[in-house]
Amino acid sequence: MALWQGGYGSVHLMCETRTGVEYALKAIPRKRNTAIPRMVQREVTILQQLRHPNIVPFKCCMVDKTMIYIVMKYIRGGNLKVRYPILALLSSFVPLSPYFTPSISSLQLCSSPRPPSQ
């Protein structure tokens, strides 16, 4: 069942038959014989390292000749713009990257390997 369709791909609801656990499958089309886009590589790298109660857990990533699949835990309740309409208004008037960039930078700093103590 398709949950969302956008410019980069689509998100589908899937269920692991053995356990009954539901997952969101993000399917991103891949141009034939091209490398995996850098943006997708970064997203997967960051998702693999994040463990926080307010961040949707990452399950795995799969790649074939035509598609890139990112599997994450399915969270019921719809997308955030539906749940919190103010987000839709903000994103149409105010670019949100100035608010998220410092957070992402902080996460990268916290998760980067630290140099050995002197």
Protein backbone atom coordinates (compact mmCIF):
# COMPACT_ATOMS: atom_id res chain seq x y z
CA MET A 1 0.00 0.00 0.00
CA ALA A 2 1.47 3.38 -1.02
CA LEU A 3 1.62 5.84 1.87
CA TRP A 4 3.22 8.73 0.01
CA GLN A 5 4.43 9.65 -3.48
CA GLY A 6 6.89 12.47 -4.11
CA GLY A 7 9.58 13.83 -6.38
CA TYR A 8 12.32 11.48 -5.12
CA GLY A 9 10.30 8.30 -4.83
CA SER A 10 7.54 6.73 -2.80
CA VAL A 11 6.90 5.22 0.63
CA HIS A 12 5.01 1.96 1.02
CA LEU A 13 3.64 0.09 4.03
CA MET A 14 5.07 -3.42 4.38
CA CYS A 15 4.67 -6.14 6.96
CA GLU A 16 7.23 -8.75 7.98
CA THR A 17 5.20 -11.94 7.65
CA ARG A 18 7.15 -13.89 10.29
CA THR A 19 6.68 -11.29 13.07
CA GLY A 20 3.78 -9.13 11.89
CA VAL A 21 5.87 -5.96 12.44
CA GLU A 22 5.00 -3.10 10.07
CA TYR A 23 7.70 -1.11 8.28
CA ALA A 24 7.80 1.89 5.96
CA LEU A 25 9.68 1.10 2.74
CA LYS A 26 11.11 4.16 1.01
CA ALA A 27 11.63 3.31 -2.69
CA ILE A 28 13.90 5.64 -4.66
CA PRO A 29 14.31 5.06 -8.41
CA ARG A 30 17.88 4.72 -9.61
CA LYS A 31 18.97 5.68 -13.10
CA ARG A 32 20.49 2.75 -14.96
CA ASN A 33 24.20 2.18 -14.36
CA THR A 34 24.62 5.23 -12.15
CA ALA A 35 26.11 5.52 -8.71
CA ILE A 36 23.90 5.82 -5.65
CA PRO A 37 23.17 9.54 -5.16
CA ARG A 38 25.33 11.16 -2.49
CA MET A 39 22.26 12.48 -0.67
CA VAL A 40 20.91 8.93 -0.23
CA GLN A 41 24.31 7.67 0.94
CA ARG A 42 24.42 10.41 3.58
CA GLU A 43 20.86 9.71 4.71
CA VAL A 44 21.57 6.00 5.18
CA THR A 45 24.89 6.64 6.95
CA ILE A 46 23.26 9.04 9.41
CA LEU A 47 20.20 6.81 9.99
CA GLN A 48 22.43 3.81 10.77
CA GLN A 49 24.13 5.75 13.56
CA LEU A 50 21.12 7.47 15.17
CA ARG A 51 19.49 5.95 18.24
CA HIS A 52 17.00 8.29 19.89
CA PRO A 53 13.40 7.87 21.12
CA ASN A 54 12.23 10.80 18.94
CA ILE A 55 13.80 9.51 15.71
CA VAL A 56 12.16 6.76 13.64
CA PRO A 57 14.40 3.66 13.83
CA PHE A 58 16.27 2.53 10.71
CA LYS A 59 16.01 -1.18 9.80
CA CYS A 60 18.10 -1.70 6.65
CA CYS A 61 18.92 -0.51 3.15
CA MET A 62 18.85 -2.58 -0.06
CA VAL A 63 19.99 -1.67 -3.56
CA ASP A 64 19.34 -3.31 -6.91
CA LYS A 65 19.89 -2.20 -10.51
CA THR A 66 16.81 0.01 -10.65
CA MET A 67 15.87 0.97 -7.09
CA ILE A 68 17.23 1.94 -3.68
CA TYR A 69 15.12 0.79 -0.73
CA ILE A 70 15.33 2.22 2.79
CA VAL A 71 13.36 0.31 5.43
CA MET A 72 12.34 2.06 8.66
CA LYS A 73 9.92 1.34 11.48
CA TYR A 74 6.37 2.34 10.54
CA ILE A 75 4.87 4.97 12.83
CA ARG A 76 1.08 5.28 12.71
CA GLY A 77 -0.56 8.68 12.69
CA GLY A 78 0.17 10.19 9.28
CA ASN A 79 2.83 12.62 8.25
CA LEU A 80 3.89 15.48 10.50
CA LYS A 81 2.44 18.18 8.23
CA VAL A 82 -0.98 16.57 8.60
CA ARG A 83 -0.60 16.08 12.34
CA TYR A 84 0.90 19.57 12.94
CA PRO A 85 -0.50 21.92 10.25
CA ILE A 86 1.79 24.74 11.44
CA LEU A 87 4.72 22.84 9.87
CA ALA A 88 3.09 23.09 6.44
CA LEU A 89 2.62 26.83 6.90
CA LEU A 90 6.17 27.34 8.15
CA SER A 91 7.77 25.38 5.34
CA SER A 92 5.91 27.41 2.71
CA PHE A 93 7.01 30.76 4.18
CA VAL A 94 10.23 30.13 6.04
CA PRO A 95 13.11 27.97 4.84
CA LEU A 96 13.62 25.45 7.64
CA SER A 97 17.24 24.58 6.87
CA PRO A 98 18.66 27.36 9.12
CA TYR A 99 16.90 25.65 12.04
CA PHE A 100 17.90 22.08 11.16
CA THR A 101 21.47 22.65 9.96
CA PRO A 102 22.82 23.40 13.48
CA SER A 103 21.04 20.30 14.80
CA ILE A 104 22.48 18.08 12.08
CA SER A 105 25.95 19.57 12.65
CA SER A 106 25.63 18.84 16.37
CA LEU A 107 24.57 15.26 15.68
CA GLN A 108 27.51 14.77 13.33
CA LEU A 109 29.91 16.14 15.93
CA CYS A 110 28.48 13.93 18.67
CA SER A 111 28.64 10.79 16.52
CA SER A 112 32.08 11.41 14.99
CA PRO A 113 35.01 9.43 16.34
CA ARG A 114 36.90 11.38 18.96
CA PRO A 115 40.67 11.74 18.75
CA PRO A 116 42.60 9.80 21.41
CA SER A 117 43.25 11.63 24.69
CA GLN A 118 46.66 13.27 25.02
